[in-house]
Amino acid sequence: MASVIFGISGMAVGIFGLIISFVVLLRNKKKDDKQAGEQEGVILSELDHIKNTTEEIKHKLEKKDEQDMSILQKLALVEASVKSAHKRIDSLEKYHQPN
């Protein structure tokens, strides 16, 4: 009779131990899931910041390219004007050469 009581109490302790282990496992899983979610949120936030910064840089580079193109067009006009002025100066020098 005593061995039956010890057997039943042993089984009860074993089952109670399994229940506690399962509860602790679920609790830790929730903590781990929460931490993983927080980390994923931080990573996604940082990726979004990097994306926005990259888009800003791209926009600035496009504006810079437009400015460079404008400067090159103006430079071409200035070079043409200077070339024309040099031709006129050269033709004037032929007529006004010092003796």
N, C-alpha and C. Protein backbone atom coordinates (compact mmCIF):
# COMPACT_ATOMS: atom_id res chain seq x y z
N MET A 1 0.81 -1.18 0.00
CA MET A 1 0.00 0.00 0.00
C MET A 1 0.87 1.27 0.00
N ALA A 2 1.92 1.27 0.79
CA ALA A 2 2.81 2.42 0.87
C ALA A 2 3.51 2.63 -0.48
N SER A 3 3.85 1.54 -1.13
CA SER A 3 4.52 1.67 -2.43
C SER A 3 3.58 2.27 -3.47
N VAL A 4 2.30 1.98 -3.36
CA VAL A 4 1.32 2.56 -4.29
C VAL A 4 1.22 4.06 -4.05
N ILE A 5 1.22 4.46 -2.78
CA ILE A 5 1.13 5.89 -2.44
C ILE A 5 2.38 6.60 -2.93
N PHE A 6 3.54 5.99 -2.70
CA PHE A 6 4.79 6.60 -3.18
C PHE A 6 4.79 6.67 -4.70
N GLY A 7 4.28 5.66 -5.36
CA GLY A 7 4.22 5.65 -6.82
C GLY A 7 3.30 6.75 -7.35
N ILE A 8 2.14 6.88 -6.73
CA ILE A 8 1.19 7.92 -7.16
C ILE A 8 1.74 9.30 -6.86
N SER A 9 2.35 9.47 -5.68
CA SER A 9 2.91 10.79 -5.36
C SER A 9 4.10 11.10 -6.28
N GLY A 10 4.86 10.10 -6.65
CA GLY A 10 5.98 10.31 -7.59
C GLY A 10 5.46 10.73 -8.95
N MET A 11 4.39 10.08 -9.42
CA MET A 11 3.79 10.45 -10.70
C MET A 11 3.23 11.87 -10.63
N ALA A 12 2.61 12.22 -9.50
CA ALA A 12 2.04 13.56 -9.34
C ALA A 12 3.14 14.62 -9.38
N VAL A 13 4.25 14.34 -8.70
CA VAL A 13 5.38 15.28 -8.70
C VAL A 13 5.94 15.40 -10.11
N GLY A 14 6.05 14.27 -10.80
CA GLY A 14 6.55 14.28 -12.18
C GLY A 14 5.64 15.08 -13.10
N ILE A 15 4.35 14.87 -13.00
CA ILE A 15 3.39 15.60 -13.83
C ILE A 15 3.42 17.08 -13.47
N PHE A 16 3.48 17.40 -12.19
CA PHE A 16 3.56 18.79 -11.75
C PHE A 16 4.83 19.45 -12.30
N GLY A 17 5.93 18.70 -12.28
CA GLY A 17 7.19 19.21 -12.82
C GLY A 17 7.07 19.49 -14.31
N LEU A 18 6.41 18.59 -15.05
CA LEU A 18 6.21 18.81 -16.49
C LEU A 18 5.35 20.04 -16.75
N ILE A 19 4.32 20.23 -15.94
CA ILE A 19 3.44 21.39 -16.12
C ILE A 19 4.22 22.68 -15.87
N ILE A 20 5.00 22.69 -14.80
CA ILE A 20 5.81 23.89 -14.50
C ILE A 20 6.81 24.16 -15.62
N SER A 21 7.46 23.11 -16.11
CA SER A 21 8.43 23.26 -17.20
C SER A 21 7.75 23.83 -18.44
N PHE A 22 6.55 23.33 -18.75
CA PHE A 22 5.82 23.81 -19.92
C PHE A 22 5.43 25.28 -19.77
N VAL A 23 4.97 25.66 -18.57
CA VAL A 23 4.60 27.06 -18.31
C VAL A 23 5.82 27.96 -18.46
N VAL A 24 6.96 27.55 -17.90
CA VAL A 24 8.19 28.35 -18.00
C VAL A 24 8.63 28.45 -19.46
N LEU A 25 8.51 27.36 -20.19
CA LEU A 25 8.87 27.35 -21.61
C LEU A 25 8.01 28.36 -22.38
N LEU A 26 6.70 28.36 -22.14
CA LEU A 26 5.81 29.30 -22.82
C LEU A 26 6.15 30.75 -22.45
N ARG A 27 6.45 30.96 -21.17
CA ARG A 27 6.79 32.32 -20.71
C ARG A 27 8.07 32.81 -21.39
N ASN A 28 9.08 31.96 -21.44
CA ASN A 28 10.34 32.34 -22.08
C ASN A 28 10.15 32.55 -23.58
N LYS A 29 9.30 31.74 -24.19
CA LYS A 29 9.05 31.89 -25.62
C LYS A 29 8.42 33.25 -25.90
N LYS A 30 7.49 33.68 -25.05
CA LYS A 30 6.87 34.99 -25.23
C LYS A 30 7.90 36.10 -25.09
N LYS A 31 8.81 35.97 -24.11
CA LYS A 31 9.87 36.97 -23.94
C LYS A 31 10.77 37.01 -25.17
N ASP A 32 11.16 35.82 -25.63
CA ASP A 32 12.02 35.75 -26.81
C ASP A 32 11.34 36.34 -28.03
N ASP A 33 10.05 36.04 -28.20
CA ASP A 33 9.31 36.59 -29.33
C ASP A 33 9.23 38.11 -29.24
N LYS A 34 9.02 38.62 -28.04
CA LYS A 34 8.93 40.07 -27.84
C LYS A 34 10.27 40.73 -28.18
N GLN A 35 11.36 40.14 -27.69
CA GLN A 35 12.69 40.69 -27.97
C GLN A 35 13.00 40.63 -29.46
N ALA A 36 12.65 39.51 -30.08
CA ALA A 36 12.89 39.38 -31.52
C ALA A 36 12.08 40.42 -32.29
N GLY A 37 10.84 40.66 -31.86
CA GLY A 37 10.01 41.67 -32.50
C GLY A 37 10.58 43.06 -32.35
N GLU A 38 11.09 43.36 -31.16
CA GLU A 38 11.71 44.67 -30.92
C GLU A 38 12.94 44.85 -31.80
N GLN A 39 13.77 43.81 -31.88
CA GLN A 39 14.97 43.88 -32.70
C GLN A 39 14.61 44.05 -34.18
N GLU A 40 13.60 43.31 -34.60
CA GLU A 40 13.17 43.42 -36.00
C GLU A 40 12.64 44.82 -36.28
N GLY A 41 11.90 45.39 -35.32
CA GLY A 41 11.39 46.75 -35.48
C GLY A 41 12.52 47.76 -35.60
N VAL A 42 13.55 47.61 -34.78
CA VAL A 42 14.70 48.51 -34.83
C VAL A 42 15.39 48.39 -36.18
N ILE A 43 15.58 47.17 -36.64
CA ILE A 43 16.26 46.95 -37.92
C ILE A 43 15.44 47.55 -39.06
N LEU A 44 14.13 47.33 -39.05
CA LEU A 44 13.28 47.89 -40.10
C LEU A 44 13.29 49.41 -40.07
N SER A 45 13.31 49.98 -38.87
CA SER A 45 13.38 51.43 -38.74
C SER A 45 14.69 51.97 -39.31
N GLU A 46 15.79 51.30 -38.99
CA GLU A 46 17.09 51.73 -39.50
C GLU A 46 17.16 51.58 -41.02
N LEU A 47 16.60 50.50 -41.55
CA LEU A 47 16.58 50.31 -43.00
C LEU A 47 15.76 51.41 -43.67
N ASP A 48 14.65 51.78 -43.07
CA ASP A 48 13.83 52.85 -43.62
C ASP A 48 14.59 54.17 -43.62
N HIS A 49 15.34 54.41 -42.54
CA HIS A 49 16.16 55.63 -42.46
C HIS A 49 17.22 55.62 -43.55
N ILE A 50 17.87 54.48 -43.76
CA ILE A 50 18.89 54.37 -44.80
C ILE A 50 18.26 54.60 -46.17
N LYS A 51 17.08 54.04 -46.40
CA LYS A 51 16.39 54.22 -47.67
C LYS A 51 16.08 55.69 -47.91
N ASN A 52 15.55 56.37 -46.89
CA ASN A 52 15.23 57.79 -47.04
C ASN A 52 16.47 58.62 -47.30
N THR A 53 17.54 58.32 -46.59
CA THR A 53 18.79 59.05 -46.78
C THR A 53 19.33 58.83 -48.19
N THR A 54 19.24 57.60 -48.67
CA THR A 54 19.70 57.28 -50.03
C THR A 54 18.89 58.04 -51.06
N GLU A 55 17.58 58.13 -50.85
CA GLU A 55 16.73 58.87 -51.78
C GLU A 55 17.07 60.35 -51.77
N GLU A 56 17.37 60.90 -50.59
CA GLU A 56 17.77 62.31 -50.50
C GLU A 56 19.07 62.54 -51.27
N ILE A 57 20.03 61.65 -51.10
CA ILE A 57 21.30 61.79 -51.80
C ILE A 57 21.09 61.70 -53.30
N LYS A 58 20.25 60.78 -53.73
CA LYS A 58 19.95 60.63 -55.16
C LYS A 58 19.33 61.91 -55.71
N HIS A 59 18.39 62.48 -54.95
CA HIS A 59 17.74 63.72 -55.39
C HIS A 59 18.77 64.85 -55.48
N LYS A 60 19.65 64.95 -54.50
CA LYS A 60 20.68 66.00 -54.53
C LYS A 60 21.63 65.81 -55.71
N LEU A 61 21.98 64.56 -56.01
CA LEU A 61 22.85 64.30 -57.15
C LEU A 61 22.18 64.68 -58.46
N GLU A 62 20.87 64.42 -58.57
CA GLU A 62 20.15 64.81 -59.78
C GLU A 62 20.16 66.33 -59.95
N LYS A 63 19.95 67.05 -58.83
CA LYS A 63 20.00 68.51 -58.90
C LYS A 63 21.40 68.98 -59.28
N LYS A 64 22.42 68.33 -58.72
CA LYS A 64 23.81 68.69 -59.03
C LYS A 64 24.10 68.44 -60.50
N ASP A 65 23.60 67.33 -61.05
CA ASP A 65 23.80 67.04 -62.47
C ASP A 65 23.16 68.12 -63.34
N GLU A 66 21.96 68.58 -62.94
CA GLU A 66 21.29 69.66 -63.68
C GLU A 66 22.13 70.94 -63.63
N GLN A 67 22.68 71.24 -62.45
CA GLN A 67 23.51 72.44 -62.32
C GLN A 67 24.76 72.32 -63.18
N ASP A 68 25.38 71.14 -63.16
CA ASP A 68 26.59 70.92 -63.97
C ASP A 68 26.28 71.09 -65.45
N MET A 69 25.14 70.57 -65.89
CA MET A 69 24.76 70.68 -67.30
C MET A 69 24.56 72.14 -67.67
N SER A 70 23.93 72.89 -66.77
CA SER A 70 23.71 74.32 -67.01
C SER A 70 25.05 75.05 -67.12
N ILE A 71 25.97 74.72 -66.24
CA ILE A 71 27.30 75.36 -66.27
C ILE A 71 28.03 75.01 -67.56
N LEU A 72 27.94 73.75 -67.99
CA LEU A 72 28.60 73.34 -69.23
C LEU A 72 28.01 74.07 -70.43
N GLN A 73 26.70 74.26 -70.44
CA GLN A 73 26.08 74.99 -71.54
C GLN A 73 26.55 76.43 -71.56
N LYS A 74 26.62 77.05 -70.39
CA LYS A 74 27.09 78.43 -70.31
C LYS A 74 28.56 78.53 -70.70
N LEU A 75 29.35 77.56 -70.32
CA LEU A 75 30.77 77.54 -70.67
C LEU A 75 30.94 77.44 -72.18
N ALA A 76 30.13 76.62 -72.83
CA ALA A 76 30.21 76.48 -74.28
C ALA A 76 29.89 77.82 -74.95
N LEU A 77 28.89 78.54 -74.43
CA LEU A 77 28.56 79.86 -74.98
C LEU A 77 29.70 80.85 -74.78
N VAL A 78 30.30 80.81 -73.61
CA VAL A 78 31.42 81.71 -73.31
C VAL A 78 32.60 81.40 -74.22
N GLU A 79 32.89 80.12 -74.42
CA GLU A 79 34.00 79.75 -75.31
C GLU A 79 33.75 80.22 -76.73
N ALA A 80 32.53 80.09 -77.20
CA ALA A 80 32.20 80.56 -78.54
C ALA A 80 32.36 82.07 -78.62
N SER A 81 31.93 82.76 -77.59
CA SER A 81 32.05 84.22 -77.57
C SER A 81 33.52 84.64 -77.54
N VAL A 82 34.32 83.95 -76.76
CA VAL A 82 35.75 84.27 -76.67
C VAL A 82 36.43 84.00 -78.01
N LYS A 83 36.07 82.92 -78.66
CA LYS A 83 36.65 82.57 -79.96
C LYS A 83 36.32 83.67 -80.98
N SER A 84 35.06 84.13 -80.95
CA SER A 84 34.64 85.21 -81.85
C SER A 84 35.40 86.49 -81.54
N ALA A 85 35.57 86.79 -80.26
CA ALA A 85 36.29 88.00 -79.85
C ALA A 85 37.75 87.92 -80.29
N HIS A 86 38.37 86.76 -80.17
CA HIS A 86 39.77 86.61 -80.59
C HIS A 86 39.90 86.82 -82.09
N LYS A 87 38.95 86.35 -82.86
CA LYS A 87 39.00 86.55 -84.32
C LYS A 87 38.93 88.03 -84.64
N ARG A 88 38.03 88.75 -83.95
CA ARG A 88 37.92 90.19 -84.19
C ARG A 88 39.18 90.92 -83.77
N ILE A 89 39.75 90.50 -82.63
CA ILE A 89 41.00 91.14 -82.16
C ILE A 89 42.12 90.88 -83.15
N ASP A 90 42.21 89.65 -83.64
CA ASP A 90 43.27 89.31 -84.61
C ASP A 90 43.11 90.14 -85.88
N SER A 91 41.88 90.32 -86.33
CA SER A 91 41.68 91.11 -87.55
C SER A 91 42.00 92.58 -87.31
N LEU A 92 41.73 93.09 -86.11
CA LEU A 92 42.07 94.48 -85.79
C LEU A 92 43.59 94.67 -85.67
N GLU A 93 44.28 93.66 -85.17
CA GLU A 93 45.74 93.77 -85.03
C GLU A 93 46.42 93.87 -86.39
N LYS A 94 45.83 93.28 -87.42
CA LYS A 94 46.43 93.37 -88.77
C LYS A 94 46.45 94.81 -89.27
N TYR A 95 45.42 95.56 -88.91
CA TYR A 95 45.32 96.93 -89.36
C TYR A 95 46.09 97.91 -88.49
N HIS A 96 46.34 97.57 -87.27
CA HIS A 96 46.99 98.50 -86.34
C HIS A 96 48.31 97.96 -85.81
N GLN A 97 49.15 97.50 -86.70
CA GLN A 97 50.44 96.99 -86.26
C GLN A 97 51.39 98.17 -86.07
N PRO A 98 52.13 98.13 -84.93
CA PRO A 98 53.07 99.23 -84.69
C PRO A 98 54.23 99.18 -85.71
N ASN A 99 54.75 100.34 -86.04
CA ASN A 99 55.84 100.44 -87.01
C ASN A 99 57.16 100.07 -86.45
